[in-house]
Amino acid sequence: MVGLRPNISIRLGAAIREQRRDQHSGVEVDPLVPSIGTNSEVERLRGVIARLMHTAAHDQLTGLPTRSLLLERLDRELAREADDGARIAVLFVDLDNFKLVNDSLGHSSGDKVLTEMARRIVACLDPDDTASRFGGDEMVILHPRASDSSGAALGRRILAALAEPILLSGKEVVVSASVGLAHCTPGTKCAEQLLREADTALYAAKVRGRARLAEFNDELHARAEKRVQIESDLRAALRESQLFVEYQPQVRLKDGCVVGVEALVRWRHPERGIISPADFIPVAEECGLIVKIGRQVLRESCRQLAEWTRQMPGCRLAMTVNVSPREIAEPTFIDELSQVLASTNVDPTALCLEITESVMMSAPEEVVRVLDQIRQLGVFVAIDDFGTEHSSLSRLRDMPAEVLKIDRSFIDGLSSEPGDTAIVSSILSLAYAMGKHTIAEGVERSEQAAMLLRMGCDVAQGYFFSRPVAAEQIAPMLSKALWHPSSGRALHAAQPVEGPVRRGHHYFIDEFLDHIGAPMGTKATVSR
């Protein structure tokens, strides 16, 4: 029977064969074998069958209809006559960060959240609507008699209902959700297409910040088609070696020398030219190609670092490489990293793997264990885009990360936005107190570089020093300073940092500047 789980049949079979005693003879009788001519036994059999059919078509945990039952109803609605003017709407509902509930509170609490989620959704529905559990924390609602605005109104009611706190083990827990909406008139689309459009809208809601409703439209349709095309082209790019790596210098602010580079993947499309990583990296993350891309970038970056080391034996250079959580989750990641280090003969302390702050702060224990193994190899770990998420200080303290990369969004406002200046100042104070290195991203003006130096930042990168360049352009940069911080122009451009920011830093800046300045792995004291 469609939708029947393997373990359900055993349980239901046992329930069906529940023994009873015949009222007259006292003999135990199997309820599936009714006495001939007994109307009550026929009715009993019909009841058993009805219960079987209901159980097979409904989710055990939430009691909602299963995917198969909703699809049957959706197909039936799409095939009806469209003479009444009513449209058919489908809403995809997905909890935001539901995995955190399971990881932090346990799966039993997660089950309670799903059950309560289902109850609240059902309370929002009209009599003709159907709510279904599609799998995991995904619910799909069929709204078969929709007007132009009723589907969106239903979605907003569901968001409001799910935003209310849930009591778990005596504590109030708030779990938000995102909703994707798609609709059509009967006979114009198939069930698969309508569901795919609702799912696309759900993804758009997640990207826009979660805890919101997004409706499928022409723009999302074009974006979905573009995504499919990018995925197809990206697979060809991996086969045909269209991806390559550029390197952006990282400059030690104390003397302007290049002490590291960040490896950045690029894509040279045969027809569209250079495609921005912002366009293809998210697609690669979704479809899993990021694992292959990451392996390729890591191998090439380490090979290039080894080449620079051979060319300039006395020059110590650090290499930072971005890694995806999907890469780290691969069981073979540590073995592959070890093999790359061994085959290229790269010093592990010269390599730093970057992980975004959002991933780092929500990393499950398995990922943290892998990060510990990375550190055991001698490889450094950096938190990228630091300051853009809500970091837990206790979580940060326990994370095996030695480098904080200050997000470019805060660097933009240095010397002009007091709030950004205060944030950067606080991050630098935190890094110093915790014994971590800092790298400021997105430096585009000399006054930003000068201010970062005076505030106690280790290293910076950005267009002010150099754009990402081909590997052969890096070697000439290693023998000269890309910036002269002692120049009158640079120091004049950096306006004094007045108020709390300056008072919060003057007591340790001199010591801090002596403490830093060496590439990662050689954090030795520099004499003045």
Protein backbone atom coordinates (compact mmCIF):
# COMPACT_ATOMS: atom_id res chain seq x y z
CA MET A 1 0.00 0.00 0.00
CA VAL A 2 1.42 3.42 -0.96
CA GLY A 3 2.87 5.35 1.96
CA LEU A 4 2.90 2.36 4.32
CA ARG A 5 6.14 2.21 6.28
CA PRO A 6 7.79 -1.20 6.75
CA ASN A 7 7.59 -1.06 10.53
CA ILE A 8 3.93 -0.01 10.49
CA SER A 9 2.68 -3.20 8.90
CA ILE A 10 3.99 -5.34 11.76
CA ARG A 11 2.43 -3.11 14.37
CA LEU A 12 -0.88 -2.95 12.53
CA GLY A 13 -0.90 -6.67 11.88
CA ALA A 14 -0.56 -7.31 15.58
CA ALA A 15 -3.38 -4.88 16.30
CA ILE A 16 -5.67 -6.48 13.72
CA ARG A 17 -5.17 -9.93 15.21
CA GLU A 18 -6.08 -8.81 18.68
CA GLN A 19 -7.88 -11.77 20.15
CA ARG A 20 -11.45 -11.65 21.43
CA ARG A 21 -13.78 -14.26 22.86
CA ASP A 22 -17.04 -15.21 21.19
CA GLN A 23 -19.82 -14.15 23.49
CA HIS A 24 -21.66 -17.50 23.15
CA SER A 25 -18.99 -20.17 22.81
CA GLY A 26 -16.06 -18.51 24.63
CA VAL A 27 -13.80 -19.58 21.71
CA GLU A 28 -11.15 -17.10 20.63
CA VAL A 29 -11.86 -15.87 17.11
CA ASP A 30 -9.66 -14.01 14.64
CA PRO A 31 -11.47 -10.76 13.80
CA LEU A 32 -10.42 -11.03 10.14
CA VAL A 33 -12.54 -14.20 9.80
CA PRO A 34 -16.10 -13.09 10.59
CA SER A 35 -18.83 -15.57 11.29
CA ILE A 36 -21.00 -16.13 8.24
CA GLY A 37 -24.18 -14.16 8.33
CA THR A 38 -23.22 -11.98 11.30
CA ASN A 39 -23.77 -8.31 10.40
CA SER A 40 -21.85 -7.11 13.45
CA GLU A 41 -18.74 -8.99 12.28
CA VAL A 42 -18.99 -7.45 8.81
CA GLU A 43 -19.23 -4.00 10.34
CA ARG A 44 -16.28 -4.79 12.60
CA LEU A 45 -14.22 -5.82 9.58
CA ARG A 46 -15.15 -2.64 7.78
CA GLY A 47 -14.05 -0.64 10.80
CA VAL A 48 -10.72 -2.46 10.96
CA ILE A 49 -10.09 -1.80 7.28
CA ALA A 50 -11.02 1.86 7.66
CA ARG A 51 -8.59 2.23 10.56
CA LEU A 52 -5.89 0.49 8.55
CA MET A 53 -6.39 2.82 5.60
CA HIS A 54 -6.39 5.89 7.85
CA THR A 55 -3.19 4.81 9.65
CA ALA A 56 -1.41 4.03 6.38
CA ALA A 57 -2.30 7.46 4.97
CA HIS A 58 -1.35 9.52 8.04
CA ASP A 59 1.94 10.36 9.69
CA GLN A 60 2.55 8.49 12.94
CA LEU A 61 4.00 11.45 14.84
CA THR A 62 1.82 14.38 13.81
CA GLY A 63 -1.31 12.62 12.60
CA LEU A 64 -1.21 14.68 9.39
CA PRO A 65 -1.87 13.10 5.97
CA THR A 66 1.21 11.65 4.29
CA ARG A 67 2.82 12.90 1.11
CA SER A 68 1.00 10.31 -1.01
CA LEU A 69 -2.45 11.33 0.24
CA LEU A 70 -1.79 15.01 -0.38
CA LEU A 71 -0.52 14.29 -3.88
CA GLU A 72 -3.71 12.36 -4.64
CA ARG A 73 -5.84 15.30 -3.49
CA LEU A 74 -3.66 17.79 -5.35
CA ASP A 75 -3.94 15.79 -8.59
CA ARG A 76 -7.70 15.66 -8.15
CA GLU A 77 -7.95 19.41 -7.63
CA LEU A 78 -5.72 20.19 -10.60
CA ALA A 79 -7.94 18.04 -12.82
CA ARG A 80 -11.21 19.75 -11.84
CA GLU A 81 -13.10 22.22 -13.98
CA ALA A 82 -11.96 25.81 -13.63
CA ASP A 83 -15.36 27.38 -14.11
CA ASP A 84 -15.73 28.68 -10.54
CA GLY A 85 -12.73 30.99 -10.81
CA ALA A 86 -11.04 29.58 -7.70
CA ARG A 87 -7.32 28.99 -7.86
CA ILE A 88 -5.23 26.25 -6.24
CA ALA A 89 -2.52 27.29 -3.81
CA VAL A 90 0.26 25.21 -2.29
CA LEU A 91 2.30 26.37 0.70
CA PHE A 92 5.63 24.84 1.71
CA VAL A 93 6.38 25.37 5.41
CA ASP A 94 9.80 24.62 6.88
CA LEU A 95 11.14 25.30 10.37
CA ASP A 96 14.22 27.52 10.58
CA ASN A 97 17.26 25.87 12.18
CA PHE A 98 15.22 22.91 13.38
CA LYS A 99 18.42 20.85 13.59
CA LEU A 100 19.53 23.05 16.48
CA VAL A 101 16.48 21.93 18.46
CA ASN A 102 17.41 18.27 18.00
CA ASP A 103 21.09 18.90 18.70
CA SER A 104 20.60 21.04 21.80
CA LEU A 105 17.38 19.68 23.35
CA GLY A 106 17.23 16.14 21.99
CA HIS A 107 15.06 14.34 19.45
CA SER A 108 12.18 13.88 21.86
CA SER A 109 11.92 17.65 22.18
CA GLY A 110 12.15 17.89 18.40
CA ASP A 111 9.21 15.53 18.09
CA LYS A 112 7.20 17.70 20.48
CA VAL A 113 7.99 20.76 18.39
CA LEU A 114 6.81 19.01 15.21
CA THR A 115 3.61 17.83 16.88
CA GLU A 116 2.85 21.31 18.15
CA MET A 117 3.75 22.78 14.77
CA ALA A 118 1.24 20.47 13.08
CA ARG A 119 -1.48 21.34 15.61
CA ARG A 120 -1.00 25.08 15.07
CA ILE A 121 -1.00 24.75 11.29
CA VAL A 122 -4.24 22.75 11.31
CA ALA A 123 -5.85 25.44 13.50
CA CYS A 124 -5.15 27.99 10.73
CA LEU A 125 -6.80 26.01 7.92
CA ASP A 126 -10.16 26.32 6.19
CA PRO A 127 -12.41 23.23 6.01
CA ASP A 128 -11.35 22.46 2.41
CA ASP A 129 -7.60 22.74 3.15
CA THR A 130 -5.22 19.82 3.69
CA ALA A 131 -1.99 19.93 5.70
CA SER A 132 0.57 17.18 5.11
CA ARG A 133 3.90 16.21 6.58
CA PHE A 134 6.22 15.79 3.61
CA GLY A 135 9.23 14.68 5.63
CA GLY A 136 11.45 15.91 8.42
CA ASP A 137 10.26 19.37 9.45
CA GLU A 138 8.62 20.14 6.10
CA MET A 139 4.85 20.57 5.93
CA VAL A 140 2.86 21.18 2.75
CA ILE A 141 -0.60 22.77 2.76
CA LEU A 142 -3.09 22.41 -0.08
CA HIS A 143 -5.43 25.43 -0.25
CA PRO A 144 -7.74 24.36 -3.11
CA ARG A 145 -10.20 27.29 -3.10
CA ALA A 146 -7.83 30.22 -3.14
CA SER A 147 -8.52 33.79 -4.12
CA ASP A 148 -5.83 36.23 -5.21
CA SER A 149 -4.89 37.03 -1.62
CA SER A 150 -6.15 34.11 0.50
CA GLY A 151 -3.01 32.00 0.00
CA ALA A 152 -0.74 34.78 1.30
CA ALA A 153 -3.16 35.47 4.15
CA LEU A 154 -3.05 31.81 5.15
CA GLY A 155 0.75 31.87 5.05
CA ARG A 156 0.86 34.91 7.33
CA ARG A 157 -1.53 33.26 9.79
CA ILE A 158 0.71 30.20 9.90
CA LEU A 159 3.84 32.32 10.48
CA ALA A 160 2.15 34.17 13.32
CA ALA A 161 0.93 30.94 14.91
CA LEU A 162 4.33 29.25 14.71
CA ALA A 163 6.14 32.30 16.12
CA GLU A 164 4.50 31.82 19.53
CA PRO A 165 6.80 30.21 22.15
CA ILE A 166 6.61 26.46 22.81
CA LEU A 167 7.01 25.12 26.34
CA LEU A 168 9.65 22.38 26.44
CA SER A 169 10.85 20.91 29.73
CA GLY A 170 9.63 23.97 31.57
CA LYS A 171 11.37 26.39 29.19
CA GLU A 172 9.91 28.61 26.49
CA VAL A 173 11.45 27.89 23.10
CA VAL A 174 10.78 30.04 20.02
CA VAL A 175 11.13 28.30 16.66
CA SER A 176 10.47 30.39 13.56
CA ALA A 177 9.44 29.08 10.15
CA SER A 178 9.63 30.11 6.51
CA VAL A 179 6.82 29.71 3.98
CA GLY A 180 6.91 29.39 0.19
CA LEU A 181 3.68 29.97 -1.78
CA ALA A 182 2.75 29.01 -5.35
CA HIS A 183 -0.66 28.91 -7.04
CA CYS A 184 -2.31 28.29 -10.39
CA THR A 185 -5.70 27.75 -12.02
CA PRO A 186 -6.82 24.12 -12.48
CA GLY A 187 -5.53 22.37 -15.57
CA THR A 188 -2.54 24.70 -16.14
CA LYS A 189 0.19 22.91 -14.16
CA CYS A 190 0.98 19.46 -12.85
CA ALA A 191 1.45 18.66 -9.18
CA GLU A 192 5.21 18.30 -9.51
CA GLN A 193 5.59 21.74 -11.09
CA LEU A 194 3.39 23.50 -8.53
CA LEU A 195 5.26 21.88 -5.65
CA ARG A 196 8.60 22.76 -7.22
CA GLU A 197 7.53 26.39 -7.50
CA ALA A 198 6.44 26.47 -3.85
CA ASP A 199 9.77 24.93 -2.85
CA THR A 200 11.61 27.59 -4.89
CA ALA A 201 9.64 30.28 -3.08
CA LEU A 202 10.52 28.66 0.26
CA TYR A 203 14.22 28.82 -0.61
CA ALA A 204 13.81 32.52 -1.48
CA ALA A 205 12.21 33.11 1.94
CA LYS A 206 15.19 31.43 3.62
CA VAL A 207 17.68 33.52 1.64
CA ARG A 208 15.88 36.76 2.47
CA GLY A 209 16.33 36.20 6.18
CA ARG A 210 13.95 33.41 7.18
CA ALA A 211 10.81 33.73 9.34
CA ARG A 212 8.96 35.15 6.35
CA LEU A 213 6.68 34.36 3.40
CA ALA A 214 7.81 34.41 -0.22
CA GLU A 215 5.50 33.97 -3.22
CA PHE A 216 6.60 32.39 -6.48
CA ASN A 217 6.71 34.89 -9.37
CA ASP A 218 8.37 35.46 -12.73
CA GLU A 219 11.56 36.70 -11.07
CA LEU A 220 11.87 33.53 -9.01
CA HIS A 221 11.08 31.48 -12.10
CA ALA A 222 13.91 33.12 -14.02
CA ARG A 223 16.20 32.64 -11.02
CA ALA A 224 15.28 28.96 -10.78
CA GLU A 225 16.00 28.45 -14.49
CA LYS A 226 19.32 30.24 -14.07
CA ARG A 227 20.18 28.02 -11.11
CA VAL A 228 19.48 24.86 -13.13
CA GLN A 229 21.63 26.19 -15.96
CA ILE A 230 24.49 27.13 -13.62
CA GLU A 231 24.47 23.68 -12.05
CA SER A 232 24.63 22.04 -15.48
CA ASP A 233 27.42 24.34 -16.64
CA LEU A 234 29.30 23.91 -13.37
CA ARG A 235 29.43 20.16 -13.83
CA ALA A 236 30.92 20.75 -17.26
CA ALA A 237 33.36 23.27 -15.76
CA LEU A 238 34.72 20.65 -13.37
CA ARG A 239 35.16 18.17 -16.22
CA GLU A 240 36.82 20.71 -18.52
CA SER A 241 39.03 22.50 -15.95
CA GLN A 242 37.33 25.89 -16.33
CA LEU A 243 37.84 26.73 -12.64
CA PHE A 244 41.05 28.42 -11.54
CA VAL A 245 42.47 30.07 -8.44
CA GLU A 246 43.51 33.67 -7.83
CA TYR A 247 45.27 34.97 -4.74
CA GLN A 248 44.70 38.15 -2.74
CA PRO A 249 47.67 39.39 -0.68
CA GLN A 250 47.32 39.79 3.08
CA VAL A 251 49.48 42.62 4.37
CA ARG A 252 51.07 42.99 7.79
CA LEU A 253 50.03 46.49 8.77
CA LYS A 254 53.11 47.16 10.89
CA ASP A 255 55.45 47.26 7.89
CA GLY A 256 53.27 46.77 4.78
CA CYS A 257 54.84 43.42 3.86
CA VAL A 258 52.86 40.55 2.36
CA VAL A 259 52.67 37.75 4.93
CA GLY A 260 49.87 35.69 3.45
CA VAL A 261 47.45 35.19 0.59
CA GLU A 262 43.85 34.05 0.39
CA ALA A 263 43.00 31.52 -2.31
CA LEU A 264 39.83 32.48 -4.22
CA VAL A 265 38.22 30.25 -6.81
CA ARG A 266 37.20 31.75 -10.16
CA TRP A 267 35.23 30.39 -13.13
CA ARG A 268 36.05 31.25 -16.73
CA HIS A 269 32.91 30.27 -18.66
CA PRO A 270 33.52 29.65 -22.38
CA GLU A 271 30.53 31.81 -23.38
CA ARG A 272 29.77 34.09 -20.43
CA GLY A 273 33.32 34.95 -19.41
CA ILE A 274 34.25 35.25 -15.73
CA ILE A 275 31.35 34.28 -13.47
CA SER A 276 31.23 35.76 -9.99
CA PRO A 277 31.65 33.30 -7.11
CA ALA A 278 28.52 34.85 -5.61
CA ASP A 279 26.60 33.35 -8.53
CA PHE A 280 27.96 29.82 -8.51
CA ILE A 281 29.18 29.03 -4.98
CA PRO A 282 25.65 28.98 -3.45
CA VAL A 283 24.51 26.67 -6.27
CA ALA A 284 27.53 24.44 -5.68
CA GLU A 285 26.64 24.31 -1.98
CA GLU A 286 23.06 23.25 -2.73
CA CYS A 287 23.85 20.52 -5.23
CA GLY A 288 26.93 19.16 -3.47
CA LEU A 289 29.49 20.15 -6.10
CA ILE A 290 31.20 22.34 -3.51
CA VAL A 291 33.00 19.23 -2.23
CA LYS A 292 34.73 18.63 -5.57
CA ILE A 293 35.44 22.34 -6.01
CA GLY A 294 36.89 22.57 -2.51
CA ARG A 295 39.19 19.63 -3.07
CA GLN A 296 40.45 21.14 -6.31
CA VAL A 297 41.11 24.55 -4.74
CA LEU A 298 42.87 23.05 -1.72
CA ARG A 299 45.17 20.90 -3.87
CA GLU A 300 46.02 23.75 -6.22
CA SER A 301 46.58 26.26 -3.40
CA CYS A 302 48.95 23.96 -1.53
CA ARG A 303 50.79 23.12 -4.75
CA GLN A 304 51.24 26.84 -5.44
CA LEU A 305 52.37 27.55 -1.89
CA ALA A 306 54.99 24.82 -2.21
CA GLU A 307 56.17 26.40 -5.47
CA TRP A 308 56.57 29.83 -3.86
CA THR A 309 58.47 28.25 -0.98
CA ARG A 310 60.90 26.62 -3.42
CA GLN A 311 61.35 29.90 -5.32
CA MET A 312 62.04 31.94 -2.15
CA PRO A 313 63.37 29.64 0.60
CA GLY A 314 63.74 32.41 3.17
CA CYS A 315 60.26 33.85 2.67
CA ARG A 316 57.60 32.55 5.00
CA LEU A 317 54.08 32.87 3.59
CA ALA A 318 50.68 31.82 4.96
CA MET A 319 47.86 30.51 2.77
CA THR A 320 44.18 30.76 3.74
CA VAL A 321 41.60 28.61 1.94
CA ASN A 322 37.83 28.68 2.36
CA VAL A 323 36.18 25.38 3.21
CA SER A 324 32.51 24.48 3.18
CA PRO A 325 30.70 22.68 6.00
CA ARG A 326 29.81 20.01 3.44
CA GLU A 327 33.52 19.44 2.82
CA ILE A 328 34.24 19.10 6.52
CA ALA A 329 31.32 16.69 6.92
CA GLU A 330 32.89 14.30 4.42
CA PRO A 331 34.29 11.25 6.28
CA THR A 332 37.45 11.35 4.17
CA PHE A 333 38.22 15.07 4.68
CA ILE A 334 41.02 14.66 7.24
CA ASP A 335 42.68 11.88 5.23
CA GLU A 336 42.53 13.97 2.07
CA LEU A 337 43.93 17.02 3.86
CA SER A 338 46.79 14.93 5.23
CA GLN A 339 47.52 13.54 1.76
CA VAL A 340 47.60 17.03 0.22
CA LEU A 341 50.02 18.26 2.89
CA ALA A 342 52.25 15.21 2.42
CA SER A 343 52.26 15.27 -1.38
CA THR A 344 53.05 19.01 -1.58
CA ASN A 345 55.42 19.02 1.42
CA VAL A 346 53.67 22.14 2.75
CA ASP A 347 54.30 23.10 6.37
CA PRO A 348 50.87 22.64 8.06
CA THR A 349 51.41 25.80 10.13
CA ALA A 350 51.49 27.81 6.89
CA LEU A 351 47.94 26.71 6.00
CA CYS A 352 44.76 28.21 7.44
CA LEU A 353 41.26 26.94 6.65
CA GLU A 354 38.45 29.52 6.77
CA ILE A 355 34.94 28.70 7.98
CA THR A 356 32.16 31.28 8.15
CA GLU A 357 31.02 32.51 11.54
CA SER A 358 27.45 31.29 11.01
CA VAL A 359 28.68 27.74 10.40
CA MET A 360 31.19 27.87 13.22
CA MET A 361 28.69 29.05 15.83
CA SER A 362 26.10 26.40 14.90
CA ALA A 363 28.55 23.58 14.24
CA PRO A 364 27.47 20.21 15.64
CA GLU A 365 29.85 18.18 17.75
CA GLU A 366 30.97 16.10 14.77
CA VAL A 367 32.20 19.24 12.97
CA VAL A 368 33.95 20.48 16.11
CA ARG A 369 35.76 17.13 16.34
CA VAL A 370 36.93 17.51 12.75
CA LEU A 371 38.17 21.03 13.49
CA ASP A 372 40.12 19.64 16.44
CA GLN A 373 41.68 17.07 14.10
CA ILE A 374 42.61 19.85 11.70
CA ARG A 375 44.40 21.64 14.52
CA GLN A 376 46.15 18.43 15.53
CA LEU A 377 47.65 18.33 12.04
CA GLY A 378 49.09 21.79 12.73
CA VAL A 379 46.74 23.58 10.32
CA PHE A 380 45.19 26.82 11.56
CA VAL A 381 41.43 27.54 11.58
CA ALA A 382 39.92 30.98 10.91
CA ILE A 383 36.41 32.31 11.49
CA ASP A 384 35.42 34.20 8.35
CA ASP A 385 32.96 37.15 8.24
CA PHE A 386 33.38 37.58 11.98
CA GLY A 387 30.91 39.97 13.59
CA THR A 388 28.02 39.37 11.18
CA GLU A 389 26.34 36.68 13.29
CA HIS A 390 25.36 36.34 16.93
CA SER A 391 28.44 34.69 18.37
CA SER A 392 28.30 33.07 21.76
CA LEU A 393 31.40 34.02 23.73
CA SER A 394 31.49 30.65 25.44
CA ARG A 395 31.15 28.97 22.04
CA LEU A 396 33.92 31.14 20.64
CA ARG A 397 36.13 30.33 23.62
CA ASP A 398 35.76 26.59 23.06
CA MET A 399 36.16 26.67 19.28
CA PRO A 400 39.52 25.50 17.88
CA ALA A 401 40.00 28.72 15.89
CA GLU A 402 43.03 31.01 16.14
CA VAL A 403 42.14 33.67 13.56
CA LEU A 404 39.21 36.11 13.39
CA LYS A 405 38.56 37.72 10.01
CA ILE A 406 36.71 41.02 10.50
CA ASP A 407 33.95 41.35 7.94
CA ARG A 408 34.30 44.04 5.27
CA SER A 409 30.92 45.54 6.18
CA PHE A 410 32.47 46.99 9.35
CA ILE A 411 35.63 48.20 7.63
CA ASP A 412 33.57 50.33 5.23
CA GLY A 413 32.45 52.59 8.06
CA LEU A 414 35.81 53.14 9.74
CA SER A 415 36.48 56.86 10.35
CA SER A 416 32.94 57.75 9.24
CA GLU A 417 30.55 55.53 11.24
CA PRO A 418 31.12 55.55 15.01
CA GLY A 419 29.15 52.32 15.34
CA ASP A 420 31.41 50.44 12.93
CA THR A 421 34.50 51.86 14.60
CA ALA A 422 33.25 50.68 17.99
CA ILE A 423 32.48 47.19 16.62
CA VAL A 424 35.94 46.80 15.08
CA SER A 425 37.48 48.10 18.28
CA SER A 426 35.54 45.57 20.33
CA ILE A 427 36.50 42.68 18.05
CA LEU A 428 40.17 43.63 18.28
CA SER A 429 39.96 43.85 22.08
CA LEU A 430 38.26 40.45 22.20
CA ALA A 431 40.86 38.90 19.88
CA TYR A 432 43.72 40.27 21.93
CA ALA A 433 42.21 39.07 25.19
CA MET A 434 41.70 35.58 23.77
CA GLY A 435 45.12 35.39 22.12
CA LYS A 436 43.82 35.22 18.56
CA HIS A 437 45.11 36.71 15.31
CA THR A 438 42.98 39.18 13.35
CA ILE A 439 42.68 39.87 9.64
CA ALA A 440 40.58 42.79 8.39
CA GLU A 441 38.85 42.24 5.04
CA GLY A 442 37.77 44.78 2.44
CA VAL A 443 40.29 47.57 3.09
CA GLU A 444 39.91 50.01 0.21
CA ARG A 445 41.36 53.31 1.51
CA SER A 446 44.62 54.32 3.15
CA GLU A 447 42.83 55.90 6.11
CA GLN A 448 41.18 52.55 6.86
CA ALA A 449 44.55 50.81 6.87
CA ALA A 450 46.10 53.49 9.08
CA MET A 451 43.23 53.38 11.55
CA LEU A 452 43.33 49.58 11.75
CA LEU A 453 47.04 49.77 12.48
CA ARG A 454 46.51 52.26 15.29
CA MET A 455 43.65 50.17 16.71
CA GLY A 456 45.86 47.09 16.91
CA CYS A 457 44.89 44.96 13.89
CA ASP A 458 47.41 42.33 12.79
CA VAL A 459 46.89 41.93 9.07
CA ALA A 460 44.56 43.31 6.41
CA GLN A 461 43.57 42.60 2.84
CA GLY A 462 41.58 44.52 0.26
CA TYR A 463 41.71 46.43 -3.00
CA PHE A 464 43.80 49.20 -1.38
CA PHE A 465 46.71 46.76 -1.29
CA SER A 466 45.85 44.52 -4.25
CA ARG A 467 42.97 42.85 -6.00
CA PRO A 468 43.04 39.04 -6.31
CA VAL A 469 45.67 38.24 -8.93
CA ALA A 470 47.16 35.29 -10.78
CA ALA A 471 49.81 33.23 -9.00
CA GLU A 472 52.70 34.62 -11.07
CA GLN A 473 51.92 38.16 -9.87
CA ILE A 474 52.34 37.28 -6.21
CA ALA A 475 56.08 36.52 -6.23
CA PRO A 476 57.18 40.11 -7.08
CA MET A 477 55.01 41.43 -4.24
CA LEU A 478 56.84 39.34 -1.65
CA SER A 479 60.06 41.33 -1.96
CA LYS A 480 58.58 44.77 -1.32
CA ALA A 481 56.14 46.57 0.96
CA LEU A 482 52.71 47.20 -0.52
CA TRP A 483 52.12 50.01 1.95
CA HIS A 484 54.32 52.34 3.96
CA PRO A 485 52.51 53.02 7.22
CA SER A 486 55.10 55.55 8.39
CA SER A 487 54.47 57.83 5.44
CA GLY A 488 53.09 61.25 6.34
CA ARG A 489 50.16 60.85 3.96
CA ALA A 490 49.00 57.59 5.50
CA LEU A 491 49.29 58.80 9.08
CA HIS A 492 47.67 62.13 8.26
CA ALA A 493 44.73 60.35 6.64
CA ALA A 494 44.00 58.42 9.80
CA GLN A 495 41.97 60.73 12.02
CA PRO A 496 42.41 60.32 15.78
CA VAL A 497 39.99 57.88 17.36
CA GLU A 498 38.39 59.88 20.16
CA GLY A 499 36.21 58.82 23.04
CA PRO A 500 35.64 55.30 24.38
CA VAL A 501 37.26 53.55 21.42
CA ARG A 502 40.65 55.18 21.96
CA ARG A 503 40.48 54.81 25.74
CA GLY A 504 39.62 51.14 25.31
CA HIS A 505 42.78 50.44 23.33
CA HIS A 506 45.64 52.71 24.32
CA TYR A 507 46.70 50.55 27.26
CA PHE A 508 47.62 47.51 25.18
CA ILE A 509 48.34 48.68 21.62
CA ASP A 510 52.11 48.90 22.04
CA GLU A 511 52.33 45.43 23.58
CA PHE A 512 49.88 44.05 20.99
CA LEU A 513 51.90 45.36 18.04
CA ASP A 514 55.00 43.68 19.45
CA HIS A 515 53.11 40.44 20.00
CA ILE A 516 51.80 40.17 16.44
CA GLY A 517 53.29 40.71 13.04
CA ALA A 518 54.71 37.29 12.25
CA PRO A 519 53.00 34.85 9.92
CA MET A 520 50.79 32.21 11.49
CA GLY A 521 52.80 29.53 13.23
CA THR A 522 55.66 31.93 14.12
CA LYS A 523 53.91 34.14 16.66
CA ALA A 524 57.17 35.24 18.22
CA THR A 525 57.82 38.46 20.11
CA VAL A 526 59.31 41.16 17.93
CA SER A 527 61.78 43.49 19.58
CA ARG A 528 61.26 47.20 19.11
